[in-house]
Protein backbone atom coordinates (compact mmCIF):
# COMPACT_ATOMS: atom_id res chain seq x y z
CA UNK A 1 128.18 30.94 27.44
CA UNK A 2 124.94 30.03 27.38
CA UNK A 3 123.28 29.27 24.24
CA UNK A 4 119.66 30.20 26.03
CA UNK A 5 119.48 34.37 25.69
CA UNK A 6 116.27 36.08 26.87
CA UNK A 7 116.07 39.38 26.19
CA UNK A 8 112.34 39.60 27.33
CA UNK A 9 110.19 37.18 29.26
CA UNK A 10 108.64 34.18 26.90
CA UNK A 11 106.71 35.22 25.84
CA UNK A 12 107.55 38.72 24.87
CA UNK A 13 105.50 41.11 23.61
CA UNK A 14 106.10 40.83 19.86
CA UNK A 15 105.38 37.10 20.38
CA UNK A 16 102.05 37.95 22.74
CA UNK A 17 100.85 40.45 19.83
CA UNK A 18 101.18 37.98 16.74
CA UNK A 19 99.43 35.66 19.24
CA UNK A 20 96.97 37.84 19.16
CA UNK A 21 96.54 38.01 15.53
CA UNK A 22 96.65 34.56 15.19
CA UNK A 23 93.97 33.96 17.57
CA UNK A 24 91.74 36.50 15.82
CA UNK A 25 92.62 35.28 12.33
CA UNK A 26 93.42 31.73 12.86
CA UNK A 27 91.22 29.12 13.89
CA UNK A 28 91.00 28.20 17.50
CA UNK A 29 90.84 24.26 16.82
CA UNK A 30 94.72 24.50 15.33
CA UNK A 31 96.91 23.72 18.81
CA UNK A 32 99.87 25.33 19.63
CA UNK A 33 102.43 23.59 22.08
CA UNK A 34 104.49 26.77 22.60
CA UNK A 35 103.48 30.73 22.84
CA UNK A 36 106.23 31.89 20.88
CA UNK A 37 106.98 33.24 17.35
CA UNK A 38 110.03 32.58 15.79
CA UNK A 39 111.49 34.77 13.63
CA UNK A 40 114.65 32.60 12.30
CA UNK A 41 116.32 28.93 13.16
CA UNK A 42 120.05 27.15 12.91
CA UNK A 43 120.67 23.83 13.92
CA UNK A 44 119.26 22.95 17.23
CA UNK A 45 118.78 27.04 18.49
CA UNK A 46 115.92 29.59 17.54
CA UNK A 47 115.06 33.24 17.43
CA UNK A 48 111.52 34.71 18.31
CA UNK A 49 110.33 38.05 17.03
CA UNK A 50 111.57 39.85 20.29
CA UNK A 51 115.06 38.52 19.86
CA UNK A 52 115.30 35.57 22.51
CA UNK A 53 117.28 32.98 21.66
CA UNK A 54 116.00 29.42 22.69
CA UNK A 55 116.94 26.04 22.07
CA UNK A 56 114.35 23.98 20.28
CA UNK A 57 114.22 19.81 21.99
CA UNK A 58 111.07 19.56 19.65
CA UNK A 59 111.79 19.65 16.57
CA UNK A 60 109.26 20.68 14.76
CA UNK A 61 107.32 17.46 15.96
CA UNK A 62 110.65 15.62 14.92
CA UNK A 63 110.63 17.72 11.47
CA UNK A 64 114.81 18.39 11.94
CA UNK A 65 116.81 15.16 12.33
CA UNK A 66 119.49 17.25 10.57
CA UNK A 67 118.22 21.08 12.12
CA UNK A 68 117.06 24.13 11.11
CA UNK A 69 118.12 25.41 8.19
CA UNK A 70 120.62 23.34 7.73
CA UNK A 71 123.28 24.97 4.89
CA UNK A 72 123.39 21.70 2.41
CA UNK A 73 119.44 21.62 2.60
CA UNK A 74 118.99 26.05 1.97
CA UNK A 75 121.20 25.91 -0.64
CA UNK A 76 119.85 22.73 -2.40
CA UNK A 77 116.40 24.49 -1.97
CA UNK A 78 117.90 27.70 -3.28
CA UNK A 79 119.66 25.80 -6.00
CA UNK A 80 116.36 24.57 -7.53
CA UNK A 81 114.08 27.49 -6.72
CA UNK A 82 115.69 29.10 -9.71
CA UNK A 83 114.78 27.16 -11.98
CA UNK A 84 111.15 25.51 -11.68
CA UNK A 85 109.45 25.26 -8.34
CA UNK A 86 106.70 22.71 -9.48
CA UNK A 87 105.29 21.87 -12.86
CA UNK A 88 103.55 18.90 -11.40
CA UNK A 89 104.44 15.22 -11.25
CA UNK A 90 100.98 13.95 -12.93
CA UNK A 91 101.80 16.35 -15.77
CA UNK A 92 105.31 16.21 -16.51
CA UNK A 93 108.72 14.56 -15.25
CA UNK A 94 111.80 15.99 -13.71
CA UNK A 95 114.98 14.83 -12.30
CA UNK A 96 114.05 14.99 -8.82
CA UNK A 97 111.24 12.97 -8.38
CA UNK A 98 112.71 9.87 -9.64
CA UNK A 99 115.85 10.58 -8.22
CA UNK A 100 114.41 10.94 -4.67
CA UNK A 101 112.43 7.17 -5.20
CA UNK A 102 115.48 5.96 -6.71
CA UNK A 103 117.32 6.80 -3.43
CA UNK A 104 114.62 5.67 -0.96
CA UNK A 105 114.58 2.31 -3.16
CA UNK A 106 118.10 1.81 -1.90
CA UNK A 107 118.09 3.31 1.58
CA UNK A 108 115.04 1.29 2.90
CA UNK A 109 115.59 -2.06 4.32
CA UNK A 110 114.82 -5.27 2.51
CA UNK A 111 117.14 -6.67 -0.58
CA UNK A 112 114.12 -6.84 -3.34
CA UNK A 113 113.10 -4.37 -6.55
CA UNK A 114 111.56 -1.64 -5.03
CA UNK A 115 109.37 1.25 -6.21
CA UNK A 116 108.18 4.60 -4.66
CA UNK A 117 105.13 7.35 -4.38
CA UNK A 118 105.97 10.87 -3.00
CA UNK A 119 103.30 13.01 -1.36
CA UNK A 120 102.83 16.02 0.51
CA UNK A 121 102.73 14.78 4.24
CA UNK A 122 102.94 12.04 6.52
CA UNK A 123 98.48 11.27 6.54
CA UNK A 124 98.68 11.30 2.85
CA UNK A 125 101.58 8.68 2.67
CA UNK A 126 99.89 6.38 5.04
CA UNK A 127 96.71 6.91 3.15
CA UNK A 128 98.62 5.87 -0.25
CA UNK A 129 100.25 2.83 1.71
CA UNK A 130 96.69 1.45 2.97
CA UNK A 131 95.33 2.07 -0.69
CA UNK A 132 97.96 0.39 -2.37
CA UNK A 133 98.00 -2.49 -0.47
CA UNK A 134 94.17 -3.07 -0.83
CA UNK A 135 94.55 -2.81 -4.09
CA UNK A 136 97.32 -5.31 -4.35
CA UNK A 137 95.13 -8.27 -1.99
CA UNK A 138 91.92 -7.47 -3.06
CA UNK A 139 90.84 -7.49 0.93
CA UNK A 140 89.99 -4.20 2.85
CA UNK A 141 90.86 -5.53 6.62
CA UNK A 142 93.95 -3.43 8.08
CA UNK A 143 94.72 -4.17 11.70
CA UNK A 144 96.42 -1.11 13.92
CA UNK A 145 97.20 -0.89 17.25
CA UNK A 146 96.29 0.99 20.40
CA UNK A 147 98.64 4.18 21.28
CA UNK A 148 99.15 4.73 17.34
CA UNK A 149 99.04 7.37 15.73
CA UNK A 150 98.84 7.81 11.32
CA UNK A 151 97.11 11.17 10.65
CA UNK A 152 94.39 13.06 10.38
CA UNK A 153 92.55 12.28 7.41
CA UNK A 154 89.20 10.41 7.80
CA UNK A 155 91.16 6.79 7.06
CA UNK A 156 94.10 7.69 9.05
CA UNK A 157 91.93 9.22 11.97
CA UNK A 158 90.25 5.99 11.48
CA UNK A 159 93.19 4.46 12.43
CA UNK A 160 94.74 6.83 14.90
CA UNK A 161 93.85 5.81 18.51
CA UNK A 162 93.70 8.69 20.88
CA UNK A 163 89.69 9.58 20.59
CA UNK A 164 89.81 12.54 22.56
CA UNK A 165 92.20 14.89 21.04
CA UNK A 166 92.27 14.18 17.39
CA UNK A 167 88.43 12.33 16.48
CA UNK A 168 86.04 13.71 19.19
CA UNK A 169 83.46 15.16 17.37
CA UNK A 170 84.58 14.16 13.46
CA UNK A 171 82.58 11.06 12.97
CA UNK A 172 81.47 8.56 10.94
CA UNK A 173 84.86 6.78 10.68
CA UNK A 174 85.92 4.63 7.91
CA UNK A 175 85.43 0.62 8.40
CA UNK A 176 87.02 -2.45 8.38
CA UNK A 177 89.96 -0.63 10.76
CA UNK A 178 90.46 -3.34 13.74
CA UNK A 179 92.04 -2.17 16.46
CA UNK A 180 94.26 -4.31 18.99
CA UNK A 181 96.75 -4.02 22.10
CA UNK A 182 100.17 -2.68 22.13
CA UNK A 183 102.44 -4.40 24.28
CA UNK A 184 103.86 -0.77 25.59
CA UNK A 185 106.77 -2.84 28.51
CA UNK A 186 106.02 -0.04 31.51
CA UNK A 187 102.13 -0.85 31.13
CA UNK A 188 101.77 -4.25 31.26
CA UNK A 189 97.98 -5.70 33.00
CA UNK A 190 98.19 -6.25 36.72
CA UNK A 191 100.00 -9.75 37.14
CA UNK A 192 101.71 -9.74 33.85
CA UNK A 193 105.32 -8.44 33.48
CA UNK A 194 106.53 -6.98 30.19
CA UNK A 195 107.41 -10.01 28.68
CA UNK A 196 104.32 -11.66 29.59
CA UNK A 197 102.42 -9.15 28.34
CA UNK A 198 104.68 -9.17 24.67
CA UNK A 199 103.87 -13.23 24.65
CA UNK A 200 100.04 -12.17 24.99
CA UNK A 201 99.46 -9.22 22.45
CA UNK A 202 101.34 -12.01 20.20
CA UNK A 203 98.65 -14.23 20.90
CA UNK A 204 95.76 -11.82 20.47
CA UNK A 205 97.53 -11.13 17.03
CA UNK A 206 96.87 -14.58 16.30
CA UNK A 207 93.57 -14.58 17.92
CA UNK A 208 92.49 -11.47 16.35
CA UNK A 209 92.28 -13.54 12.78
CA UNK A 210 89.48 -15.27 14.23
CA UNK A 211 87.56 -13.50 16.62
CA UNK A 212 88.17 -10.06 14.69
CA UNK A 213 89.05 -10.43 10.99
CA UNK A 214 90.10 -13.77 8.96
CA UNK A 215 93.26 -13.54 7.60
CA UNK A 216 91.79 -13.90 3.96
CA UNK A 217 90.42 -10.29 4.29
CA UNK A 218 93.41 -8.63 5.98
CA UNK A 219 94.93 -6.50 3.49
CA UNK A 220 97.30 -5.04 6.10
CA UNK A 221 98.99 -4.39 9.45
CA UNK A 222 100.40 -0.66 9.78
CA UNK A 223 102.58 -0.40 13.08
CA UNK A 224 105.12 2.53 13.82
CA UNK A 225 108.00 0.55 14.92
CA UNK A 226 108.24 3.24 18.23
CA UNK A 227 105.23 5.03 18.76
CA UNK A 228 105.43 8.96 17.90
CA UNK A 229 102.09 10.77 19.80
CA UNK A 230 101.70 7.40 21.74
CA UNK A 231 104.66 8.27 24.13
CA UNK A 232 107.71 7.38 21.92
CA UNK A 233 107.76 3.60 22.81
CA UNK A 234 109.79 1.15 20.73
CA UNK A 235 107.89 -1.91 19.90
CA UNK A 236 109.31 -4.98 21.21
CA UNK A 237 111.24 -7.28 18.82
CA UNK A 238 109.42 -10.30 19.23
CA UNK A 239 105.74 -8.45 18.31
CA UNK A 240 108.03 -6.75 14.96
CA UNK A 241 108.57 -10.13 13.98
CA UNK A 242 105.23 -11.98 15.04
CA UNK A 243 103.92 -9.45 12.72
CA UNK A 244 106.02 -9.88 9.58
CA UNK A 245 105.11 -14.14 10.52
CA UNK A 246 101.95 -13.06 10.53
CA UNK A 247 101.39 -10.70 7.02
CA UNK A 248 103.85 -13.93 5.36
CA UNK A 249 101.78 -16.25 6.14
CA UNK A 250 98.49 -14.69 5.74
CA UNK A 251 99.33 -12.81 2.21
CA UNK A 252 99.00 -9.75 3.99
CA UNK A 253 100.88 -6.44 3.46
CA UNK A 254 103.62 -5.43 6.24
CA UNK A 255 103.61 -1.58 6.76
CA UNK A 256 106.07 0.02 8.76
CA UNK A 257 105.12 3.50 9.67
CA UNK A 258 108.45 5.24 9.86
CA UNK A 259 107.12 9.17 9.63
CA UNK A 260 108.31 10.04 12.69
CA UNK A 261 110.47 7.00 13.67
CA UNK A 262 112.42 7.23 10.16
CA UNK A 263 115.16 9.74 8.85
CA UNK A 264 117.70 8.09 11.08
CA UNK A 265 115.88 9.76 14.04
CA UNK A 266 116.74 6.38 16.02
CA UNK A 267 119.95 6.40 14.89
CA UNK A 268 119.14 3.87 11.67
CA UNK A 269 117.77 5.56 8.78
CA UNK A 270 114.80 3.37 9.97
CA UNK A 271 114.20 2.25 13.77
CA UNK A 272 112.51 -0.91 12.43
CA UNK A 273 115.93 -1.62 11.55
CA UNK A 274 116.87 -2.41 15.04
CA UNK A 275 114.44 -5.57 15.04
CA UNK A 276 116.28 -6.71 11.62
CA UNK A 277 112.46 -7.40 10.28
CA UNK A 278 112.20 -5.89 6.84
CA UNK A 279 108.54 -4.55 6.22
CA UNK A 280 106.74 -4.59 3.09
CA UNK A 281 106.28 -1.18 3.12
CA UNK A 282 107.70 1.79 4.30
CA UNK A 283 106.15 5.27 5.11
CA UNK A 284 108.57 8.06 5.21
CA UNK A 285 107.70 11.95 5.73
CA UNK A 286 108.81 14.63 8.39
CA UNK A 287 112.69 14.55 8.85
CA UNK A 288 112.93 13.45 5.59
CA UNK A 289 112.25 17.12 4.55
CA UNK A 290 113.87 18.99 7.01
CA UNK A 291 111.01 21.47 7.19
CA UNK A 292 109.96 21.00 3.48
CA UNK A 293 106.45 19.31 3.00
CA UNK A 294 107.13 16.00 1.63
CA UNK A 295 106.34 12.01 2.24
CA UNK A 296 106.81 8.95 1.16
CA UNK A 297 105.89 5.24 0.66
CA UNK A 298 108.45 2.66 -0.68
CA UNK A 299 107.56 -1.05 -0.99
CA UNK A 300 107.93 -4.16 -3.00
CA UNK A 301 107.72 -3.18 -6.50
CA UNK A 302 104.95 -5.89 -7.11
CA UNK A 303 102.96 -4.19 -4.57
CA UNK A 304 103.31 -0.40 -5.44
CA UNK A 305 102.56 -1.46 -9.19
CA UNK A 306 99.25 -3.14 -7.97
CA UNK A 307 96.83 0.05 -8.56
CA UNK A 308 95.72 1.33 -11.78
CA UNK A 309 97.26 3.77 -13.75
CA UNK A 310 95.78 6.78 -12.22
CA UNK A 311 94.96 5.36 -9.41
CA UNK A 312 97.49 7.50 -7.39
CA UNK A 313 98.57 10.84 -6.98
CA UNK A 314 98.80 14.05 -5.53
CA UNK A 315 98.96 17.92 -7.15
CA UNK A 316 101.66 19.13 -5.18
CA UNK A 317 103.22 15.57 -3.83
CA UNK A 318 107.14 15.07 -5.10
CA UNK A 319 107.89 18.83 -6.30
CA UNK A 320 111.11 19.58 -7.31
CA UNK A 321 111.76 21.90 -4.43
CA UNK A 322 110.08 19.26 -1.77
CA UNK A 323 112.94 16.86 -3.59
CA UNK A 324 115.90 18.75 -3.89
CA UNK A 325 115.50 19.13 0.03
CA UNK A 326 114.71 15.54 0.69
CA UNK A 327 117.81 14.45 -1.62
CA UNK A 328 120.15 16.89 0.48
CA UNK A 329 118.88 15.59 3.86
CA UNK A 330 119.44 12.21 2.71
CA UNK A 331 122.84 12.97 1.88
CA UNK A 332 123.83 14.18 5.01
CA UNK A 333 121.97 11.86 7.10
CA UNK A 334 124.08 9.08 4.73
CA UNK A 335 127.54 11.17 5.69
CA UNK A 336 129.82 8.88 7.56
CA UNK A 337 128.83 9.44 11.56
CA UNK A 338 126.18 11.05 11.59
CA UNK A 339 123.65 9.07 12.54
CA UNK A 340 125.76 7.83 15.60
CA UNK A 341 125.16 11.22 17.25
CA UNK A 342 121.90 10.26 17.54
CA UNK A 343 123.04 7.74 20.36
CA UNK A 344 124.98 10.82 22.06
CA UNK A 345 121.27 12.06 22.41
CA UNK A 346 119.85 9.30 24.37
CA UNK A 347 122.92 8.91 26.88
CA UNK A 348 122.85 12.10 27.67
CA UNK A 349 119.06 12.10 28.21
CA UNK A 350 119.44 9.25 29.92
CA UNK A 351 122.40 10.58 31.94
CA UNK A 352 120.52 13.65 32.96
CA UNK A 353 117.18 12.58 33.67
CA UNK A 354 117.85 8.90 35.90
CA UNK A 355 119.36 10.39 39.25
CA UNK A 356 116.12 12.50 39.35
CA UNK A 357 114.47 9.25 40.11
CA UNK A 358 112.49 9.15 43.23
CA UNK A 359 113.23 13.37 43.77
CA UNK A 360 110.56 13.75 40.64
CA UNK A 361 107.40 11.77 39.98
CA UNK A 362 109.68 9.54 37.22
CA UNK A 363 107.68 6.76 35.97
CA UNK A 364 110.01 5.64 32.98
CA UNK A 365 112.64 6.85 30.78
CA UNK A 366 112.78 5.37 27.43
CA UNK A 367 113.49 5.81 23.30
CA UNK A 368 116.10 5.30 21.06
CA UNK A 369 118.71 7.69 20.56
CA UNK A 370 117.32 11.55 19.19
CA UNK A 371 113.56 9.95 19.97
CA UNK A 372 113.34 10.30 24.02
CA UNK A 373 110.48 10.28 26.64
CA UNK A 374 110.23 11.06 30.03
CA UNK A 375 107.31 9.53 31.39
CA UNK A 376 105.20 10.91 34.74
CA UNK A 377 103.33 9.08 37.30
CA UNK A 378 101.36 9.96 40.46
CA UNK A 379 102.60 6.92 41.81
CA UNK A 380 105.57 4.57 40.66
CA UNK A 381 103.53 1.48 42.36
CA UNK A 382 100.52 2.47 40.63
CA UNK A 383 101.69 3.88 37.35
CA UNK A 384 98.45 6.53 37.85
CA UNK A 385 99.05 9.13 34.81
CA UNK A 386 100.17 12.60 35.98
CA UNK A 387 99.22 14.42 32.96
CA UNK A 388 98.82 17.98 35.06
CA UNK A 389 102.13 18.03 35.96
CA UNK A 390 103.26 18.04 32.34
CA UNK A 391 100.58 20.39 31.29
CA UNK A 392 101.68 22.98 33.72
CA UNK A 393 105.22 22.18 33.35
CA UNK A 394 105.60 22.75 29.60
CA UNK A 395 105.12 26.51 29.30
CA UNK A 396 107.62 26.71 32.62
CA UNK A 397 110.24 25.51 30.18
CA UNK A 398 109.33 27.44 27.59
CA UNK A 399 109.66 30.73 29.64
CA UNK A 400 113.32 28.94 30.55
CA UNK A 401 114.64 29.13 26.84
CA UNK A 402 113.15 25.87 25.86
CA UNK A 403 110.87 24.46 22.78
CA UNK A 404 109.00 21.45 24.11
CA UNK A 405 106.25 19.13 23.61
CA UNK A 406 104.11 16.67 25.16
CA UNK A 407 102.83 12.98 24.19
CA UNK A 408 101.53 10.21 24.97
CA UNK A 409 98.15 8.38 25.34
CA UNK A 410 97.67 9.88 28.67
CA UNK A 411 99.90 13.36 27.52
CA UNK A 412 101.69 12.80 30.32
CA UNK A 413 105.29 12.30 28.97
CA UNK A 414 107.91 14.54 27.96
CA UNK A 415 109.23 14.33 24.44
CA UNK A 416 112.94 15.30 23.16
CA UNK A 417 113.31 15.23 19.37
CA UNK A 418 116.16 17.34 19.12
CA UNK A 419 118.80 17.47 15.95
CA UNK A 420 121.04 14.43 15.81
CA UNK A 421 123.58 16.77 15.87
CA UNK A 422 122.44 19.15 18.37
CA UNK A 423 126.20 19.79 20.84
CA UNK A 424 126.52 17.98 23.84
CA UNK A 425 126.46 21.07 25.92
CA UNK A 426 123.67 22.44 24.78
CA UNK A 427 121.11 19.41 24.84
CA UNK A 428 122.60 19.07 28.38
CA UNK A 429 121.35 23.42 28.84
CA UNK A 430 118.02 22.55 27.19
CA UNK A 431 117.35 19.22 29.16
CA UNK A 432 118.26 21.08 32.41
CA UNK A 433 115.68 23.68 31.76
CA UNK A 434 113.23 21.48 31.52
CA UNK A 435 114.28 19.63 34.46
CA UNK A 436 114.15 22.96 36.94
CA UNK A 437 110.39 23.77 35.23
CA UNK A 438 109.36 20.07 36.48
CA UNK A 439 110.97 20.58 39.40
CA UNK A 440 109.41 24.04 40.48
CA UNK A 441 105.97 22.29 38.99
CA UNK A 442 106.18 19.57 41.36
CA UNK A 443 107.49 21.68 44.27
CA UNK A 444 104.06 24.28 43.54
CA UNK A 445 101.82 21.30 43.14
CA UNK A 446 103.15 19.42 46.55
CA UNK A 447 102.57 22.71 48.53
CA UNK A 448 99.65 23.21 47.23
CA UNK A 449 98.22 19.55 48.38
CA UNK A 450 97.43 20.38 51.77
CA UNK A 451 95.64 23.54 51.19
CA UNK A 452 93.54 21.20 48.81
CA UNK A 453 92.92 18.27 51.69
CA UNK A 454 92.25 21.09 54.07
CA UNK A 455 89.25 22.94 51.61
CA UNK A 456 87.60 19.22 51.00
């Protein structure tokens, strides 16, 4: 029996009506990847207000490593709500906050004393991490990388790479941010292979300490171990090792932004564990709360204790309800065998898409675990990004019953961020619907090309 059950076209009449209400009441600046209104969700399935059941391959942009409405998470939330919702951690103490901090201190990479601060979302956590690093080092400089996404506050927007979508019209931006090239193995400069490109980026890190910011002025280097919005690009281990070596040498703080890649997404609790590199601080969010607003900065105790008393804080950060959800999530993620399911996601994504090279304009298939992307190009030789085909194919995929989202610096990738325990047959059904959507879109574009040339 198919998991996708469509009773109306997508979007259905009730979704359309709710969409019209949103257009009238909500700022048009708020994006929406899928024109669907959801009524309920369970695991990797969502049901819209018209009674259609769709497969969710986007997972709230990677929030749902344990799936929608996991029974253990729901139970933890329900039990906590009956006791206390939020007395504010700035006012009083309560069990959930130190309990979650203790778990994160134990689970994040590194065998040294750690401490944690909780916040509401990823951007707030990244901002806290930078503030704490600056306080600890007494320096201001922060190195980030092309393709990075760190948030939408002024500081994190300044750290984010993609100008047109996230930054246009919002300046002036924060100072002391230094952006360097990122060793994307699929997109080395002409005349270089991926290894040479990584070597050059390592050299450029050293060069930047002369050309852009002296090591004595560098507070932190912040990097996503797998780029999220940037196209789900894994960072070469050699590059992470170089960052670690430089931070240790000059006394800067290495910050791993694991907002999208952490909480089990890649088959390890934190993606940086694949490299063996130990950062000084780890930023967690998204799947940590399974839908509840919570984020965390966990790091070396001496670094975390550097700011003055009252220097960090958050009205809603680390609410008892969000902490209860996160503790349940960590229980699930650490169950024997659960993280291994991410490997099944990666295997199936590759098995479905690899045979289509040549038939469809696929440039690259990459990722780790349940964090996979397919990049589309106009020409496999020039690797010219083809964002138009994905912009057109995503709505077609949605009409076939799959929630989907684009990614990449050029918005020419489809990202797959399903629940780790999505059944294999469900995953294959969803992926096949996406394949059909891309195929139909590609064939339509090819058929229209002669007409466009004739008009030209």
